[in-house]
Amino acid sequence: MKEPRVWLKASGAAKYLGISLPTLKKIEEEGKLVPFLTPGEHRRYTVEMLDEYLESTQKPPAAEAAADGEADKRMTAKCTDGLEKTDSGRM
């Protein structure tokens, strides 16, 4: 027998995602997450719906590593700007 769906209120969904209620509302306004609306206009979410959103926001590991590498290069350049290299190549 199929288990019944568990519906979370907005506060429970925000807690599940680890975000604030205003951030949850912003995600909805951007169309990235579409809640079920009750007849009384209350928002409801399934855990499956929230998991799908989380999966859609994940970067592939290679892209994340490349982005981190670029950030490291920019930080190194920023931190060493204005320093002169000696003949030995040290700053």
C-alpha atoms as a PDB file:
ATOM      1  CA  MET A   1       0.000   0.000   0.000  1.00  0.00           C
ATOM      2  CA  LYS A   2       1.269   3.452  -0.924  1.00  0.00           C
ATOM      3  CA  GLU A   3       2.157   5.763   1.964  1.00  0.00           C
ATOM      4  CA  PRO A   4       0.131   8.975   2.170  1.00  0.00           C
ATOM      5  CA  ARG A   5       1.978  12.183   1.308  1.00  0.00           C
ATOM      6  CA  VAL A   6       3.161  14.339   4.145  1.00  0.00           C
ATOM      7  CA  TRP A   7       2.398  18.014   3.590  1.00  0.00           C
ATOM      8  CA  LEU A   8       4.533  20.671   5.263  1.00  0.00           C
ATOM      9  CA  LYS A   9       3.469  24.211   6.069  1.00  0.00           C
ATOM     10  CA  ALA A  10       5.678  27.079   4.884  1.00  0.00           C
ATOM     11  CA  SER A  11       7.482  27.229   8.236  1.00  0.00           C
ATOM     12  CA  GLY A  12       8.240  23.497   8.097  1.00  0.00           C
ATOM     13  CA  ALA A  13       9.422  23.761   4.483  1.00  0.00           C
ATOM     14  CA  ALA A  14      11.735  26.661   5.326  1.00  0.00           C
ATOM     15  CA  LYS A  15      13.155  24.727   8.258  1.00  0.00           C
ATOM     16  CA  TYR A  16      13.641  21.623   6.078  1.00  0.00           C
ATOM     17  CA  LEU A  17      15.532  23.697   3.495  1.00  0.00           C
ATOM     18  CA  GLY A  18      17.509  25.575   6.152  1.00  0.00           C
ATOM     19  CA  ILE A  19      16.290  28.989   5.009  1.00  0.00           C
ATOM     20  CA  SER A  20      14.078  31.785   6.343  1.00  0.00           C
ATOM     21  CA  LEU A  21      10.406  32.284   5.445  1.00  0.00           C
ATOM     22  CA  PRO A  22      11.195  35.442   3.411  1.00  0.00           C
ATOM     23  CA  THR A  23      13.794  33.481   1.425  1.00  0.00           C
ATOM     24  CA  LEU A  24      11.249  30.720   0.780  1.00  0.00           C
ATOM     25  CA  LYS A  25       8.786  33.330  -0.480  1.00  0.00           C
ATOM     26  CA  LYS A  26      11.476  34.808  -2.758  1.00  0.00           C
ATOM     27  CA  ILE A  27      12.215  31.361  -4.222  1.00  0.00           C
ATOM     28  CA  GLU A  28       8.496  30.953  -4.935  1.00  0.00           C
ATOM     29  CA  GLU A  29       8.277  34.392  -6.567  1.00  0.00           C
ATOM     30  CA  GLU A  30      11.198  33.424  -8.825  1.00  0.00           C
ATOM     31  CA  GLY A  31       9.209  30.350  -9.884  1.00  0.00           C
ATOM     32  CA  LYS A  32      11.832  27.924  -8.606  1.00  0.00           C
ATOM     33  CA  LEU A  33       9.412  26.263  -6.184  1.00  0.00           C
ATOM     34  CA  VAL A  34       5.647  26.119  -6.660  1.00  0.00           C
ATOM     35  CA  PRO A  35       3.667  25.167  -3.556  1.00  0.00           C
ATOM     36  CA  PHE A  36       0.249  23.579  -3.442  1.00  0.00           C
ATOM     37  CA  LEU A  37      -2.373  26.102  -2.300  1.00  0.00           C
ATOM     38  CA  THR A  38      -5.179  25.006  -0.003  1.00  0.00           C
ATOM     39  CA  PRO A  39      -8.694  26.408  -0.509  1.00  0.00           C
ATOM     40  CA  GLY A  40      -7.810  28.942   2.204  1.00  0.00           C
ATOM     41  CA  GLU A  41      -4.707  30.039   0.211  1.00  0.00           C
ATOM     42  CA  HIS A  42      -2.242  28.394   2.630  1.00  0.00           C
ATOM     43  CA  ARG A  43       0.943  27.079   1.031  1.00  0.00           C
ATOM     44  CA  ARG A  44       1.828  23.396   1.385  1.00  0.00           C
ATOM     45  CA  TYR A  45       4.886  21.443   0.267  1.00  0.00           C
ATOM     46  CA  THR A  46       5.840  17.789   0.031  1.00  0.00           C
ATOM     47  CA  VAL A  47       9.263  16.538   1.060  1.00  0.00           C
ATOM     48  CA  GLU A  48       9.671  15.234  -2.505  1.00  0.00           C
ATOM     49  CA  MET A  49       8.993  18.719  -3.872  1.00  0.00           C
ATOM     50  CA  LEU A  50      11.602  20.223  -1.545  1.00  0.00           C
ATOM     51  CA  ASP A  51      14.165  17.521  -2.375  1.00  0.00           C
ATOM     52  CA  GLU A  52      13.676  18.190  -6.102  1.00  0.00           C
ATOM     53  CA  TYR A  53      14.303  21.889  -5.490  1.00  0.00           C
ATOM     54  CA  LEU A  54      17.474  21.124  -3.526  1.00  0.00           C
ATOM     55  CA  GLU A  55      18.760  18.834  -6.274  1.00  0.00           C
ATOM     56  CA  SER A  56      18.081  21.490  -8.918  1.00  0.00           C
ATOM     57  CA  THR A  57      20.197  24.025  -7.025  1.00  0.00           C
ATOM     58  CA  GLN A  58      23.273  21.818  -6.700  1.00  0.00           C
ATOM     59  CA  LYS A  59      26.307  22.613  -8.851  1.00  0.00           C
ATOM     60  CA  PRO A  60      28.138  19.749 -10.524  1.00  0.00           C
ATOM     61  CA  PRO A  61      31.317  18.954  -8.560  1.00  0.00           C
ATOM     62  CA  ALA A  62      33.648  19.860 -11.461  1.00  0.00           C
ATOM     63  CA  ALA A  63      32.047  23.267 -11.958  1.00  0.00           C
ATOM     64  CA  GLU A  64      32.191  23.945  -8.239  1.00  0.00           C
ATOM     65  CA  ALA A  65      35.869  23.039  -8.058  1.00  0.00           C
ATOM     66  CA  ALA A  66      36.662  25.218 -11.071  1.00  0.00           C
ATOM     67  CA  ALA A  67      34.766  28.132  -9.529  1.00  0.00           C
ATOM     68  CA  ASP A  68      36.675  27.667  -6.261  1.00  0.00           C
ATOM     69  CA  GLY A  69      39.968  27.625  -8.172  1.00  0.00           C
ATOM     70  CA  GLU A  70      39.127  30.875  -9.935  1.00  0.00           C
ATOM     71  CA  ALA A  71      38.140  32.485  -6.638  1.00  0.00           C
ATOM     72  CA  ASP A  72      41.470  31.379  -5.141  1.00  0.00           C
ATOM     73  CA  LYS A  73      43.364  32.940  -8.059  1.00  0.00           C
ATOM     74  CA  ARG A  74      41.485  36.235  -7.706  1.00  0.00           C
ATOM     75  CA  MET A  75      42.108  36.328  -3.953  1.00  0.00           C
ATOM     76  CA  THR A  76      45.810  35.587  -4.401  1.00  0.00           C
ATOM     77  CA  ALA A  77      46.113  38.325  -7.023  1.00  0.00           C
ATOM     78  CA  LYS A  78      44.273  40.782  -4.780  1.00  0.00           C
ATOM     79  CA  CYS A  79      46.412  39.948  -1.743  1.00  0.00           C
ATOM     80  CA  THR A  80      49.721  40.171  -3.595  1.00  0.00           C
ATOM     81  CA  ASP A  81      48.891  43.294  -5.601  1.00  0.00           C
ATOM     82  CA  GLY A  82      51.580  45.895  -5.058  1.00  0.00           C
ATOM     83  CA  LEU A  83      54.197  43.452  -3.832  1.00  0.00           C
ATOM     84  CA  GLU A  84      57.371  43.126  -5.856  1.00  0.00           C
ATOM     85  CA  LYS A  85      59.011  39.851  -6.712  1.00  0.00           C
ATOM     86  CA  THR A  86      62.688  39.432  -5.863  1.00  0.00           C
ATOM     87  CA  ASP A  87      65.222  37.755  -8.121  1.00  0.00           C
ATOM     88  CA  SER A  88      64.458  34.460  -6.413  1.00  0.00           C
ATOM     89  CA  GLY A  89      60.787  34.793  -7.375  1.00  0.00           C
ATOM     90  CA  ARG A  90      59.659  35.405  -3.819  1.00  0.00           C
ATOM     91  CA  MET A  91      57.665  38.417  -2.795  1.00  0.00           C
END
